[in-house]
Amino acid sequence: MNSEPIFRYAEEKDVALILSFIKDLAEYEKMLEEVVATEEMLRYWLFKEKKAEVLFVMENEKEVGFALFFYHFSTFLGQAGIYLEDLFVLPEYRGKGYGKAILKQLAKLTIERGCGRLEWSCLDWNKPSIDFYLSLGATPMEEWTTYRVTGDTLKKLSGQ
């Protein structure tokens, strides 16, 4: 990256590209078999229901990285924050500052939208990403554990 990065928000016509980035990330995380998202699902949730947003970083008019994010709410802060669900830069474009540029843009967006924090999760084994996040001043939430209920367990919990 030789100059200021160029960003663009995803549009509905980008659903195939978004799904491709999601699958590339899942493959990197050794979780490709867990991806059940489809273009139709992404079209519905991202563009009809507007439950999340996607930001691309560009090089020579090519999308080389993406971030998928949405609002969450902190009762302690009494204000919304932005939760970064996915951040991924194509392998051949890593080391050029695109990951940092995306996080910098999201931090700017967080402030512009009046939000109190930018948060994300990282797999415990992903040392390159952990080191990168620490270098930016991010703080690991070591006293917190994420819990998840999905599938049949979610149905059972709901009483259905």
Protein backbone atom coordinates (compact mmCIF):
# COMPACT_ATOMS: atom_id res chain seq x y z
CA MET A 1 0.00 0.00 0.00
CA ASN A 2 1.73 3.11 -1.22
CA SER A 3 -0.87 5.77 -0.38
CA GLU A 4 -4.01 6.23 1.67
CA PRO A 5 -6.18 3.13 1.32
CA ILE A 6 -9.45 3.29 -0.53
CA PHE A 7 -12.50 1.80 1.15
CA ARG A 8 -15.96 1.05 -0.11
CA TYR A 9 -19.07 -0.32 1.52
CA ALA A 10 -20.50 -3.51 0.11
CA GLU A 11 -23.59 -3.35 -2.05
CA GLU A 12 -26.13 -6.06 -2.72
CA LYS A 13 -24.33 -7.01 -5.95
CA ASP A 14 -21.33 -8.01 -3.75
CA VAL A 15 -22.92 -10.98 -1.97
CA ALA A 16 -20.87 -13.57 -3.90
CA LEU A 17 -17.68 -11.66 -3.10
CA ILE A 18 -18.63 -11.37 0.58
CA LEU A 19 -19.30 -15.11 0.76
CA SER A 20 -15.95 -15.75 -0.92
CA PHE A 21 -14.16 -13.68 1.75
CA ILE A 22 -16.09 -15.48 4.51
CA LYS A 23 -15.05 -18.86 3.10
CA ASP A 24 -11.42 -17.75 2.73
CA LEU A 25 -11.42 -16.64 6.37
CA ALA A 26 -13.05 -19.89 7.49
CA GLU A 27 -10.44 -21.89 5.58
CA TYR A 28 -7.66 -19.90 7.28
CA GLU A 29 -9.30 -20.58 10.65
CA LYS A 30 -9.65 -24.30 9.81
CA MET A 31 -13.44 -23.99 10.09
CA LEU A 32 -14.59 -24.12 6.46
CA GLU A 33 -16.94 -27.04 7.16
CA GLU A 34 -18.87 -24.78 9.57
CA VAL A 35 -19.83 -22.24 6.90
CA VAL A 36 -23.51 -22.69 6.06
CA ALA A 37 -24.09 -19.12 4.87
CA THR A 38 -25.45 -18.71 1.35
CA GLU A 39 -25.67 -15.75 -0.97
CA GLU A 40 -29.41 -15.63 -0.33
CA MET A 41 -28.89 -15.51 3.44
CA LEU A 42 -26.32 -12.75 3.14
CA ARG A 43 -28.54 -10.78 0.79
CA TYR A 44 -31.42 -11.02 3.27
CA TRP A 45 -29.52 -10.21 6.49
CA LEU A 46 -27.06 -7.65 5.13
CA PHE A 47 -29.15 -5.77 2.60
CA LYS A 48 -32.82 -6.37 3.36
CA GLU A 49 -32.70 -6.49 7.17
CA LYS A 50 -29.50 -4.37 7.40
CA LYS A 51 -28.25 -6.27 10.46
CA ALA A 52 -24.55 -5.88 9.58
CA GLU A 53 -22.29 -3.93 7.25
CA VAL A 54 -19.31 -4.89 5.11
CA LEU A 55 -16.38 -2.65 4.33
CA PHE A 56 -13.84 -3.51 1.64
CA VAL A 57 -10.31 -2.18 1.35
CA MET A 58 -9.16 -1.80 -2.25
CA GLU A 59 -5.94 -2.01 -4.25
CA ASN A 60 -6.08 -1.00 -7.89
CA GLU A 61 -9.89 -1.29 -7.87
CA LYS A 62 -9.71 -4.84 -6.46
CA GLU A 63 -11.17 -5.82 -3.08
CA VAL A 64 -8.18 -7.18 -1.12
CA GLY A 65 -9.64 -7.26 2.38
CA PHE A 66 -12.93 -7.00 4.18
CA ALA A 67 -14.52 -6.35 7.54
CA LEU A 68 -18.02 -7.40 8.55
CA PHE A 69 -19.33 -5.51 11.58
CA PHE A 70 -22.49 -4.54 13.44
CA TYR A 71 -23.68 -2.58 16.46
CA HIS A 72 -23.84 -3.99 19.95
CA PHE A 73 -24.71 -2.22 23.18
CA SER A 74 -22.78 -1.75 26.42
CA THR A 75 -25.00 -1.28 29.44
CA PHE A 76 -21.95 -0.21 31.47
CA LEU A 77 -21.05 2.53 28.97
CA GLY A 78 -24.70 3.28 28.24
CA GLN A 79 -23.97 3.47 24.53
CA ALA A 80 -23.59 1.40 21.41
CA GLY A 81 -20.32 -0.01 20.18
CA ILE A 82 -19.17 -1.68 17.00
CA TYR A 83 -18.46 -5.39 17.01
CA LEU A 84 -16.09 -6.61 14.32
CA GLU A 85 -17.23 -10.12 13.39
CA ASP A 86 -14.75 -10.79 10.59
CA LEU A 87 -11.56 -9.17 9.35
CA PHE A 88 -9.65 -10.79 6.52
CA VAL A 89 -6.99 -9.71 4.05
CA LEU A 90 -6.18 -11.95 1.12
CA PRO A 91 -2.85 -13.73 1.76
CA GLU A 92 -1.04 -12.17 -1.20
CA TYR A 93 -1.85 -8.68 0.14
CA ARG A 94 -0.80 -9.20 3.76
CA GLY A 95 2.08 -7.24 5.20
CA LYS A 96 1.11 -4.11 3.24
CA GLY A 97 -0.84 -2.42 6.06
CA TYR A 98 -4.35 -3.30 4.91
CA GLY A 99 -5.38 -4.97 8.18
CA LYS A 100 -4.23 -1.96 10.16
CA ALA A 101 -5.95 0.36 7.70
CA ILE A 102 -9.25 -1.50 8.13
CA LEU A 103 -9.03 -1.31 11.93
CA LYS A 104 -8.08 2.36 11.74
CA GLN A 105 -11.09 3.03 9.49
CA LEU A 106 -13.38 1.12 11.86
CA ALA A 107 -12.02 3.08 14.84
CA LYS A 108 -12.73 6.30 12.97
CA LEU A 109 -16.22 5.06 12.11
CA THR A 110 -16.82 4.07 15.75
CA ILE A 111 -16.01 7.62 16.87
CA GLU A 112 -17.96 9.27 14.02
CA ARG A 113 -21.06 7.25 14.91
CA GLY A 114 -20.79 8.18 18.58
CA CYS A 115 -20.03 4.65 19.75
CA GLY A 116 -18.02 3.87 22.87
CA ARG A 117 -15.92 0.92 21.80
CA LEU A 118 -14.71 -1.31 19.00
CA GLU A 119 -14.51 -4.99 19.94
CA TRP A 120 -13.72 -8.31 18.29
CA SER A 121 -12.70 -11.86 19.13
CA CYS A 122 -9.65 -13.80 18.03
CA LEU A 123 -8.93 -17.53 18.12
CA ASP A 124 -6.48 -18.46 20.88
CA TRP A 125 -4.07 -20.19 18.47
CA ASN A 126 -3.87 -17.26 16.03
CA LYS A 127 -0.60 -15.81 17.32
CA PRO A 128 0.11 -13.60 14.26
CA SER A 129 -3.25 -11.86 14.67
CA ILE A 130 -2.92 -11.63 18.46
CA ASP A 131 0.52 -10.04 18.13
CA PHE A 132 -0.86 -7.64 15.52
CA TYR A 133 -3.79 -6.61 17.74
CA LEU A 134 -1.53 -6.13 20.74
CA SER A 135 0.78 -3.94 18.65
CA LEU A 136 -2.19 -1.64 18.00
CA GLY A 137 -2.89 -1.29 21.72
CA ALA A 138 -5.86 -3.67 21.84
CA THR A 139 -6.48 -5.27 25.23
CA PRO A 140 -7.41 -8.96 25.51
CA MET A 141 -10.43 -9.58 27.73
CA GLU A 142 -8.80 -12.45 29.62
CA GLU A 143 -11.43 -12.68 32.33
CA TRP A 144 -14.26 -13.21 29.84
CA THR A 145 -15.36 -16.40 28.09
CA THR A 146 -17.70 -16.35 25.13
CA TYR A 147 -20.65 -18.72 25.33
CA ARG A 148 -22.77 -19.82 22.40
CA VAL A 149 -26.06 -21.66 21.95
CA THR A 150 -26.95 -22.84 18.41
CA GLY A 151 -28.87 -25.47 16.47
CA ASP A 152 -30.79 -28.07 18.45
CA THR A 153 -29.54 -26.67 21.76
CA LEU A 154 -30.95 -23.25 20.83
CA LYS A 155 -34.30 -24.84 19.92
CA LYS A 156 -34.35 -26.80 23.17
CA LEU A 157 -33.54 -23.67 25.21
CA SER A 158 -36.33 -21.75 23.43
CA GLY A 159 -38.84 -24.48 24.33
CA GLN A 160 -39.51 -25.32 20.68
